[in-house]
Amino acid sequence: MAQTHFGFETVPEHEKARRVAGVFSSVAASYDLMNDLMSLGLHRLWKRFTVALAGARAGEKVLDIAGGTGDLARAFARAVGPTGEVWLTDINAAMLARGRDRLLDAGILCPVAQCDAEKLPFPSEHFDLVTCAFGLRNMTHKDLALAEMLRVLKPGGRVLVLEFSKIWQPLAPFYDLYSFTVLPWLGARIANDAASYRYLAESIRMHPDQETLKALFLDAGFARVEYFNLCAGIVALHRGYKL
């Protein structure tokens, strides 16, 4: 039986998706507040940088994968305007519902779809831009997800993946102390769920580093792949193009 990791734990591949779903169903209600607390608000700047680098233009079609509570979808909907198209997708129903409601509260009507990033329900060569923020590390088969992103992109389209990555090594001991002490403590106090935030910290350590993820992009068929380290590598934004 094929195995994969769920944080630091080894589990059967078929079990990971169910356990990840449990994590995000548990944290959905407090997700936005916890993001602000955990990152000291920096996640907003990281996402703003992603939007700026994406360069979405009026009339373009955008797919936001693992879009969660809709931060990127909201920004892209404003960028592409009424002639464009922005899809908010997530595999988790609770997260998708919060994202849909937040978009509606902001006066933005976007199509939403609950779907698996490894099997996207969209036609080939449909989107100008595909984005994924803090979702790739939770996917069981990252290579399949990247292949699907490439498939649904038009020639000349671009993909941007914002994800936690490998921090500058001199800071690693302090980052580990924060990740495995402060984050579970915050999770327990704010979300009443220390275990889910312990998993999230562990999942970051198990995610490929900057160069390894770049290689996965290239293996999937993306061209002109580059990445940008943010906050000493706590987060990296990878960008690639479909020829």
C-alpha atoms as a PDB file:
ATOM      1  CA  MET A   1       0.000   0.000   0.000  1.00  0.00           C
ATOM      2  CA  ALA A   2       1.382   3.403  -1.030  1.00  0.00           C
ATOM      3  CA  GLN A   3       2.372   5.643   1.870  1.00  0.00           C
ATOM      4  CA  THR A   4       2.717   9.399   2.254  1.00  0.00           C
ATOM      5  CA  HIS A   5       3.221  11.882   5.057  1.00  0.00           C
ATOM      6  CA  PHE A   6       0.650  13.652   7.188  1.00  0.00           C
ATOM      7  CA  GLY A   7       2.888  16.079   8.994  1.00  0.00           C
ATOM      8  CA  PHE A   8       5.621  13.935  10.537  1.00  0.00           C
ATOM      9  CA  GLU A   9       3.375  10.865  10.515  1.00  0.00           C
ATOM     10  CA  THR A  10       3.434   8.256   7.741  1.00  0.00           C
ATOM     11  CA  VAL A  11      -0.062   7.279   6.577  1.00  0.00           C
ATOM     12  CA  PRO A  12      -1.628   5.397   3.640  1.00  0.00           C
ATOM     13  CA  GLU A  13      -2.096   7.703   0.650  1.00  0.00           C
ATOM     14  CA  HIS A  14      -5.868   7.259   0.627  1.00  0.00           C
ATOM     15  CA  GLU A  15      -6.059   8.450   4.240  1.00  0.00           C
ATOM     16  CA  LYS A  16      -4.213  11.762   3.860  1.00  0.00           C
ATOM     17  CA  ALA A  17      -6.981  13.622   2.023  1.00  0.00           C
ATOM     18  CA  ARG A  18      -9.506  12.643   4.693  1.00  0.00           C
ATOM     19  CA  ARG A  19      -7.250  13.787   7.523  1.00  0.00           C
ATOM     20  CA  VAL A  20      -6.351  17.058   5.817  1.00  0.00           C
ATOM     21  CA  ALA A  21     -10.082  17.660   5.293  1.00  0.00           C
ATOM     22  CA  GLY A  22     -10.608  17.164   9.003  1.00  0.00           C
ATOM     23  CA  VAL A  23      -7.950  19.748   9.812  1.00  0.00           C
ATOM     24  CA  PHE A  24      -9.445  22.445   7.615  1.00  0.00           C
ATOM     25  CA  SER A  25     -13.025  21.712   8.613  1.00  0.00           C
ATOM     26  CA  SER A  26     -11.884  22.201  12.197  1.00  0.00           C
ATOM     27  CA  VAL A  27     -10.044  25.483  11.632  1.00  0.00           C
ATOM     28  CA  ALA A  28     -12.314  27.101   9.015  1.00  0.00           C
ATOM     29  CA  ALA A  29     -14.207  29.322  11.450  1.00  0.00           C
ATOM     30  CA  SER A  30     -11.025  30.834  12.906  1.00  0.00           C
ATOM     31  CA  TYR A  31      -8.825  30.574   9.808  1.00  0.00           C
ATOM     32  CA  ASP A  32      -8.583  34.282   8.962  1.00  0.00           C
ATOM     33  CA  LEU A  33      -7.996  35.394  12.549  1.00  0.00           C
ATOM     34  CA  MET A  34      -5.337  32.716  13.031  1.00  0.00           C
ATOM     35  CA  ASN A  35      -3.602  33.741   9.806  1.00  0.00           C
ATOM     36  CA  ASP A  36      -3.296  37.287  11.100  1.00  0.00           C
ATOM     37  CA  LEU A  37      -2.036  36.158  14.489  1.00  0.00           C
ATOM     38  CA  MET A  38       0.381  33.503  13.226  1.00  0.00           C
ATOM     39  CA  SER A  39       1.995  35.703  10.580  1.00  0.00           C
ATOM     40  CA  LEU A  40       1.604  39.036  12.421  1.00  0.00           C
ATOM     41  CA  GLY A  41      -0.418  40.133   9.414  1.00  0.00           C
ATOM     42  CA  LEU A  42       2.385  39.400   6.951  1.00  0.00           C
ATOM     43  CA  HIS A  43       0.240  36.944   4.960  1.00  0.00           C
ATOM     44  CA  ARG A  44      -1.609  39.966   3.590  1.00  0.00           C
ATOM     45  CA  LEU A  45       1.636  41.413   2.207  1.00  0.00           C
ATOM     46  CA  TRP A  46       2.663  38.028   0.767  1.00  0.00           C
ATOM     47  CA  LYS A  47      -0.658  37.742  -1.036  1.00  0.00           C
ATOM     48  CA  ARG A  48      -0.444  41.347  -2.223  1.00  0.00           C
ATOM     49  CA  PHE A  49       2.977  40.586  -3.714  1.00  0.00           C
ATOM     50  CA  THR A  50       1.506  37.529  -5.429  1.00  0.00           C
ATOM     51  CA  VAL A  51      -1.294  39.572  -6.967  1.00  0.00           C
ATOM     52  CA  ALA A  52       1.160  42.219  -8.159  1.00  0.00           C
ATOM     53  CA  LEU A  53       3.504  39.651  -9.716  1.00  0.00           C
ATOM     54  CA  ALA A  54       0.595  37.824 -11.374  1.00  0.00           C
ATOM     55  CA  GLY A  55      -0.296  40.937 -13.344  1.00  0.00           C
ATOM     56  CA  ALA A  56      -3.904  39.926 -13.978  1.00  0.00           C
ATOM     57  CA  ARG A  57      -5.492  42.084 -16.667  1.00  0.00           C
ATOM     58  CA  ALA A  58      -9.037  43.035 -17.556  1.00  0.00           C
ATOM     59  CA  GLY A  59     -10.890  40.227 -19.279  1.00  0.00           C
ATOM     60  CA  GLU A  60      -8.561  37.423 -18.189  1.00  0.00           C
ATOM     61  CA  LYS A  61      -9.690  34.073 -16.800  1.00  0.00           C
ATOM     62  CA  VAL A  62      -8.239  33.143 -13.405  1.00  0.00           C
ATOM     63  CA  LEU A  63      -8.381  29.908 -11.420  1.00  0.00           C
ATOM     64  CA  ASP A  64      -7.605  30.102  -7.697  1.00  0.00           C
ATOM     65  CA  ILE A  65      -6.886  26.584  -6.387  1.00  0.00           C
ATOM     66  CA  ALA A  66      -7.205  25.834  -2.656  1.00  0.00           C
ATOM     67  CA  GLY A  67      -8.531  29.365  -2.473  1.00  0.00           C
ATOM     68  CA  GLY A  68      -9.828  28.991   1.066  1.00  0.00           C
ATOM     69  CA  THR A  69     -11.498  32.104   2.368  1.00  0.00           C
ATOM     70  CA  GLY A  70     -11.070  34.007  -0.883  1.00  0.00           C
ATOM     71  CA  ASP A  71      -8.317  36.593  -0.369  1.00  0.00           C
ATOM     72  CA  LEU A  72      -6.718  36.079  -3.787  1.00  0.00           C
ATOM     73  CA  ALA A  73     -10.006  35.544  -5.616  1.00  0.00           C
ATOM     74  CA  ARG A  74     -11.302  38.865  -4.310  1.00  0.00           C
ATOM     75  CA  ALA A  75      -8.198  40.734  -5.517  1.00  0.00           C
ATOM     76  CA  PHE A  76      -8.234  39.039  -8.921  1.00  0.00           C
ATOM     77  CA  ALA A  77     -11.951  39.652  -9.420  1.00  0.00           C
ATOM     78  CA  ARG A  78     -11.290  43.362  -9.070  1.00  0.00           C
ATOM     79  CA  ALA A  79      -8.280  43.171 -11.400  1.00  0.00           C
ATOM     80  CA  VAL A  80     -10.009  41.330 -14.276  1.00  0.00           C
ATOM     81  CA  GLY A  81     -13.242  43.297 -13.961  1.00  0.00           C
ATOM     82  CA  PRO A  82     -16.685  42.387 -15.277  1.00  0.00           C
ATOM     83  CA  THR A  83     -15.317  41.042 -18.568  1.00  0.00           C
ATOM     84  CA  GLY A  84     -13.049  38.571 -16.764  1.00  0.00           C
ATOM     85  CA  GLU A  85     -13.694  35.323 -14.951  1.00  0.00           C
ATOM     86  CA  VAL A  86     -12.390  34.194 -11.559  1.00  0.00           C
ATOM     87  CA  TRP A  87     -13.082  30.743 -10.122  1.00  0.00           C
ATOM     88  CA  LEU A  88     -12.674  30.128  -6.387  1.00  0.00           C
ATOM     89  CA  THR A  89     -12.022  26.444  -5.722  1.00  0.00           C
ATOM     90  CA  ASP A  90     -11.163  24.345  -2.705  1.00  0.00           C
ATOM     91  CA  ILE A  91     -11.402  20.673  -1.807  1.00  0.00           C
ATOM     92  CA  ASN A  92     -12.851  21.525   1.603  1.00  0.00           C
ATOM     93  CA  ALA A  93     -16.544  22.499   1.769  1.00  0.00           C
ATOM     94  CA  ALA A  94     -16.231  24.476   5.015  1.00  0.00           C
ATOM     95  CA  MET A  95     -13.386  26.620   3.697  1.00  0.00           C
ATOM     96  CA  LEU A  96     -15.119  27.128   0.354  1.00  0.00           C
ATOM     97  CA  ALA A  97     -18.330  28.238   2.061  1.00  0.00           C
ATOM     98  CA  ARG A  98     -16.440  30.852   4.079  1.00  0.00           C
ATOM     99  CA  GLY A  99     -14.692  32.093   0.964  1.00  0.00           C
ATOM    100  CA  ARG A 100     -17.957  32.349  -0.964  1.00  0.00           C
ATOM    101  CA  ASP A 101     -19.618  34.249   1.888  1.00  0.00           C
ATOM    102  CA  ARG A 102     -16.695  36.650   2.237  1.00  0.00           C
ATOM    103  CA  LEU A 103     -16.787  37.400  -1.482  1.00  0.00           C
ATOM    104  CA  LEU A 104     -20.524  38.029  -1.359  1.00  0.00           C
ATOM    105  CA  ASP A 105     -20.069  40.301   1.651  1.00  0.00           C
ATOM    106  CA  ALA A 106     -17.557  42.279  -0.438  1.00  0.00           C
ATOM    107  CA  GLY A 107     -20.080  42.573  -3.270  1.00  0.00           C
ATOM    108  CA  ILE A 108     -18.225  40.126  -5.523  1.00  0.00           C
ATOM    109  CA  LEU A 109     -20.027  37.302  -7.295  1.00  0.00           C
ATOM    110  CA  CYS A 110     -17.597  34.577  -8.410  1.00  0.00           C
ATOM    111  CA  PRO A 111     -18.257  31.000  -9.482  1.00  0.00           C
ATOM    112  CA  VAL A 112     -17.082  28.477  -6.895  1.00  0.00           C
ATOM    113  CA  ALA A 113     -16.301  24.779  -7.184  1.00  0.00           C
ATOM    114  CA  GLN A 114     -15.438  22.148  -4.615  1.00  0.00           C
ATOM    115  CA  CYS A 115     -12.824  20.038  -6.357  1.00  0.00           C
ATOM    116  CA  ASP A 116      -9.586  18.124  -6.032  1.00  0.00           C
ATOM    117  CA  ALA A 117      -6.564  19.967  -7.444  1.00  0.00           C
ATOM    118  CA  GLU A 118      -5.226  16.656  -8.729  1.00  0.00           C
ATOM    119  CA  LYS A 119      -8.341  16.202 -10.918  1.00  0.00           C
ATOM    120  CA  LEU A 120      -9.558  19.637 -11.956  1.00  0.00           C
ATOM    121  CA  PRO A 121     -13.035  19.732 -13.562  1.00  0.00           C
ATOM    122  CA  PHE A 122     -12.088  22.356 -16.149  1.00  0.00           C
ATOM    123  CA  PRO A 123     -11.313  22.118 -19.860  1.00  0.00           C
ATOM    124  CA  SER A 124      -7.760  22.242 -21.112  1.00  0.00           C
ATOM    125  CA  GLU A 125      -6.262  25.603 -22.076  1.00  0.00           C
ATOM    126  CA  HIS A 126      -9.059  27.610 -20.453  1.00  0.00           C
ATOM    127  CA  PHE A 127      -7.303  29.948 -17.986  1.00  0.00           C
ATOM    128  CA  ASP A 128      -4.790  32.751 -18.393  1.00  0.00           C
ATOM    129  CA  LEU A 129      -3.654  32.507 -14.784  1.00  0.00           C
ATOM    130  CA  VAL A 130      -3.682  29.784 -12.120  1.00  0.00           C
ATOM    131  CA  THR A 131      -2.814  30.507  -8.500  1.00  0.00           C
ATOM    132  CA  CYS A 132      -2.486  28.473  -5.330  1.00  0.00           C
ATOM    133  CA  ALA A 133      -1.662  30.027  -1.958  1.00  0.00           C
ATOM    134  CA  PHE A 134      -0.712  27.807   0.991  1.00  0.00           C
ATOM    135  CA  GLY A 135      -2.436  24.765  -0.460  1.00  0.00           C
ATOM    136  CA  LEU A 136       0.125  22.773  -2.423  1.00  0.00           C
ATOM    137  CA  ARG A 137       1.858  21.333   0.638  1.00  0.00           C
ATOM    138  CA  ASN A 138      -1.402  19.638   1.703  1.00  0.00           C
ATOM    139  CA  MET A 139      -1.815  17.800  -1.600  1.00  0.00           C
ATOM    140  CA  THR A 140      -0.878  14.125  -1.725  1.00  0.00           C
ATOM    141  CA  HIS A 141       0.503  14.128  -5.276  1.00  0.00           C
ATOM    142  CA  LYS A 142       2.046  17.514  -5.947  1.00  0.00           C
ATOM    143  CA  ASP A 143       3.256  16.382  -9.353  1.00  0.00           C
ATOM    144  CA  LEU A 144      -0.310  15.578 -10.445  1.00  0.00           C
ATOM    145  CA  ALA A 145      -1.584  18.916  -9.144  1.00  0.00           C
ATOM    146  CA  LEU A 146       1.109  20.817 -11.067  1.00  0.00           C
ATOM    147  CA  ALA A 147       0.334  18.787 -14.200  1.00  0.00           C
ATOM    148  CA  GLU A 148      -3.332  19.745 -13.877  1.00  0.00           C
ATOM    149  CA  MET A 149      -2.425  23.416 -13.459  1.00  0.00           C
ATOM    150  CA  LEU A 150      -0.402  23.203 -16.670  1.00  0.00           C
ATOM    151  CA  ARG A 151      -3.226  21.420 -18.508  1.00  0.00           C
ATOM    152  CA  VAL A 152      -5.867  24.050 -17.785  1.00  0.00           C
ATOM    153  CA  LEU A 153      -3.583  26.967 -18.697  1.00  0.00           C
ATOM    154  CA  LYS A 154      -3.652  28.561 -22.113  1.00  0.00           C
ATOM    155  CA  PRO A 155      -0.332  28.715 -23.977  1.00  0.00           C
ATOM    156  CA  GLY A 156       1.453  31.757 -22.596  1.00  0.00           C
ATOM    157  CA  GLY A 157      -0.439  31.505 -19.325  1.00  0.00           C
ATOM    158  CA  ARG A 158       1.274  31.565 -15.956  1.00  0.00           C
ATOM    159  CA  VAL A 159       0.998  29.791 -12.639  1.00  0.00           C
ATOM    160  CA  LEU A 160       1.918  31.241  -9.249  1.00  0.00           C
ATOM    161  CA  VAL A 161       2.259  29.104  -6.130  1.00  0.00           C
ATOM    162  CA  LEU A 162       2.714  30.852  -2.793  1.00  0.00           C
ATOM    163  CA  GLU A 163       3.834  28.454  -0.098  1.00  0.00           C
ATOM    164  CA  PHE A 164       5.861  28.126   3.069  1.00  0.00           C
ATOM    165  CA  SER A 165       9.403  27.090   2.305  1.00  0.00           C
ATOM    166  CA  LYS A 166      12.882  26.701   3.812  1.00  0.00           C
ATOM    167  CA  ILE A 167      13.969  29.568   6.034  1.00  0.00           C
ATOM    168  CA  TRP A 168      17.493  31.006   6.074  1.00  0.00           C
ATOM    169  CA  GLN A 169      19.352  28.461   8.182  1.00  0.00           C
ATOM    170  CA  PRO A 170      20.690  30.777  10.943  1.00  0.00           C
ATOM    171  CA  LEU A 171      17.062  31.578  11.812  1.00  0.00           C
ATOM    172  CA  ALA A 172      15.870  27.952  11.759  1.00  0.00           C
ATOM    173  CA  PRO A 173      16.184  27.256  15.536  1.00  0.00           C
ATOM    174  CA  PHE A 174      14.082  30.307  16.396  1.00  0.00           C
ATOM    175  CA  TYR A 175      11.547  29.452  13.697  1.00  0.00           C
ATOM    176  CA  ASP A 176      11.269  25.883  15.018  1.00  0.00           C
ATOM    177  CA  LEU A 177      10.690  27.162  18.552  1.00  0.00           C
ATOM    178  CA  TYR A 178       7.926  29.443  17.280  1.00  0.00           C
ATOM    179  CA  SER A 179       6.363  26.788  15.044  1.00  0.00           C
ATOM    180  CA  PHE A 180       6.221  23.957  17.545  1.00  0.00           C
ATOM    181  CA  THR A 181       5.546  25.955  20.695  1.00  0.00           C
ATOM    182  CA  VAL A 182       3.703  29.169  19.859  1.00  0.00           C
ATOM    183  CA  LEU A 183       1.545  27.920  16.969  1.00  0.00           C
ATOM    184  CA  PRO A 184      -0.025  24.982  18.858  1.00  0.00           C
ATOM    185  CA  TRP A 185      -0.540  27.277  21.851  1.00  0.00           C
ATOM    186  CA  LEU A 186      -2.352  29.822  19.660  1.00  0.00           C
ATOM    187  CA  GLY A 187      -4.345  27.026  18.062  1.00  0.00           C
ATOM    188  CA  ALA A 188      -5.459  25.806  21.468  1.00  0.00           C
ATOM    189  CA  ARG A 189      -6.410  29.275  22.706  1.00  0.00           C
ATOM    190  CA  ILE A 190      -8.052  30.703  19.592  1.00  0.00           C
ATOM    191  CA  ALA A 191      -9.316  27.704  17.630  1.00  0.00           C
ATOM    192  CA  ASN A 192      -9.542  25.200  20.489  1.00  0.00           C
ATOM    193  CA  ASP A 193      -7.450  22.886  18.309  1.00  0.00           C
ATOM    194  CA  ALA A 194      -3.745  22.566  19.057  1.00  0.00           C
ATOM    195  CA  ALA A 195      -3.406  19.352  17.033  1.00  0.00           C
ATOM    196  CA  SER A 196      -4.425  20.928  13.721  1.00  0.00           C
ATOM    197  CA  TYR A 197      -1.884  23.713  14.087  1.00  0.00           C
ATOM    198  CA  ARG A 198       0.790  21.239  15.095  1.00  0.00           C
ATOM    199  CA  TYR A 199       0.042  19.417  11.833  1.00  0.00           C
ATOM    200  CA  LEU A 200       0.265  22.672   9.881  1.00  0.00           C
ATOM    201  CA  ALA A 201       3.710  23.361  11.357  1.00  0.00           C
ATOM    202  CA  GLU A 202       4.838  19.823  10.553  1.00  0.00           C
ATOM    203  CA  SER A 203       3.470  20.023   7.004  1.00  0.00           C
ATOM    204  CA  ILE A 204       5.653  23.069   6.366  1.00  0.00           C
ATOM    205  CA  ARG A 205       8.776  21.099   7.326  1.00  0.00           C
ATOM    206  CA  MET A 206       7.797  18.242   5.019  1.00  0.00           C
ATOM    207  CA  HIS A 207       7.161  20.499   2.007  1.00  0.00           C
ATOM    208  CA  PRO A 208       9.851  20.636  -0.705  1.00  0.00           C
ATOM    209  CA  ASP A 209      12.353  23.474  -0.414  1.00  0.00           C
ATOM    210  CA  GLN A 210      12.654  26.218  -3.017  1.00  0.00           C
ATOM    211  CA  GLU A 211      14.950  24.425  -5.455  1.00  0.00           C
ATOM    212  CA  THR A 212      13.144  21.082  -5.145  1.00  0.00           C
ATOM    213  CA  LEU A 213       9.782  22.697  -5.874  1.00  0.00           C
ATOM    214  CA  LYS A 214      11.307  24.543  -8.828  1.00  0.00           C
ATOM    215  CA  ALA A 215      12.439  21.168 -10.168  1.00  0.00           C
ATOM    216  CA  LEU A 216       8.880  19.818  -9.780  1.00  0.00           C
ATOM    217  CA  PHE A 217       7.613  22.765 -11.838  1.00  0.00           C
ATOM    218  CA  LEU A 218      10.133  22.007 -14.571  1.00  0.00           C
ATOM    219  CA  ASP A 219       9.322  18.298 -14.513  1.00  0.00           C
ATOM    220  CA  ALA A 220       5.631  19.142 -14.932  1.00  0.00           C
ATOM    221  CA  GLY A 221       6.454  21.065 -18.105  1.00  0.00           C
ATOM    222  CA  PHE A 222       6.521  24.686 -16.959  1.00  0.00           C
ATOM    223  CA  ALA A 223       9.050  27.044 -18.526  1.00  0.00           C
ATOM    224  CA  ARG A 224      10.870  30.138 -17.232  1.00  0.00           C
ATOM    225  CA  VAL A 225      10.409  28.938 -13.654  1.00  0.00           C
ATOM    226  CA  GLU A 226      11.641  31.260 -10.928  1.00  0.00           C
ATOM    227  CA  TYR A 227      10.990  31.860  -7.266  1.00  0.00           C
ATOM    228  CA  PHE A 228      11.056  34.792  -4.886  1.00  0.00           C
ATOM    229  CA  ASN A 229      11.974  34.346  -1.228  1.00  0.00           C
ATOM    230  CA  LEU A 230       9.924  36.394   1.225  1.00  0.00           C
ATOM    231  CA  CYS A 231      10.842  37.008   4.857  1.00  0.00           C
ATOM    232  CA  ALA A 232      14.148  35.119   4.681  1.00  0.00           C
ATOM    233  CA  GLY A 233      12.543  32.144   2.970  1.00  0.00           C
ATOM    234  CA  ILE A 234       9.707  31.562   5.418  1.00  0.00           C
ATOM    235  CA  VAL A 235       7.584  31.838   2.291  1.00  0.00           C
ATOM    236  CA  ALA A 236       8.502  31.479  -1.374  1.00  0.00           C
ATOM    237  CA  LEU A 237       6.504  32.451  -4.439  1.00  0.00           C
ATOM    238  CA  HIS A 238       7.143  30.236  -7.478  1.00  0.00           C
ATOM    239  CA  ARG A 239       6.139  31.371 -10.952  1.00  0.00           C
ATOM    240  CA  GLY A 240       6.154  29.422 -14.184  1.00  0.00           C
ATOM    241  CA  TYR A 241       4.752  29.723 -17.706  1.00  0.00           C
ATOM    242  CA  LYS A 242       3.129  27.410 -20.232  1.00  0.00           C
ATOM    243  CA  LEU A 243       4.772  27.634 -23.627  1.00  0.00           C
END
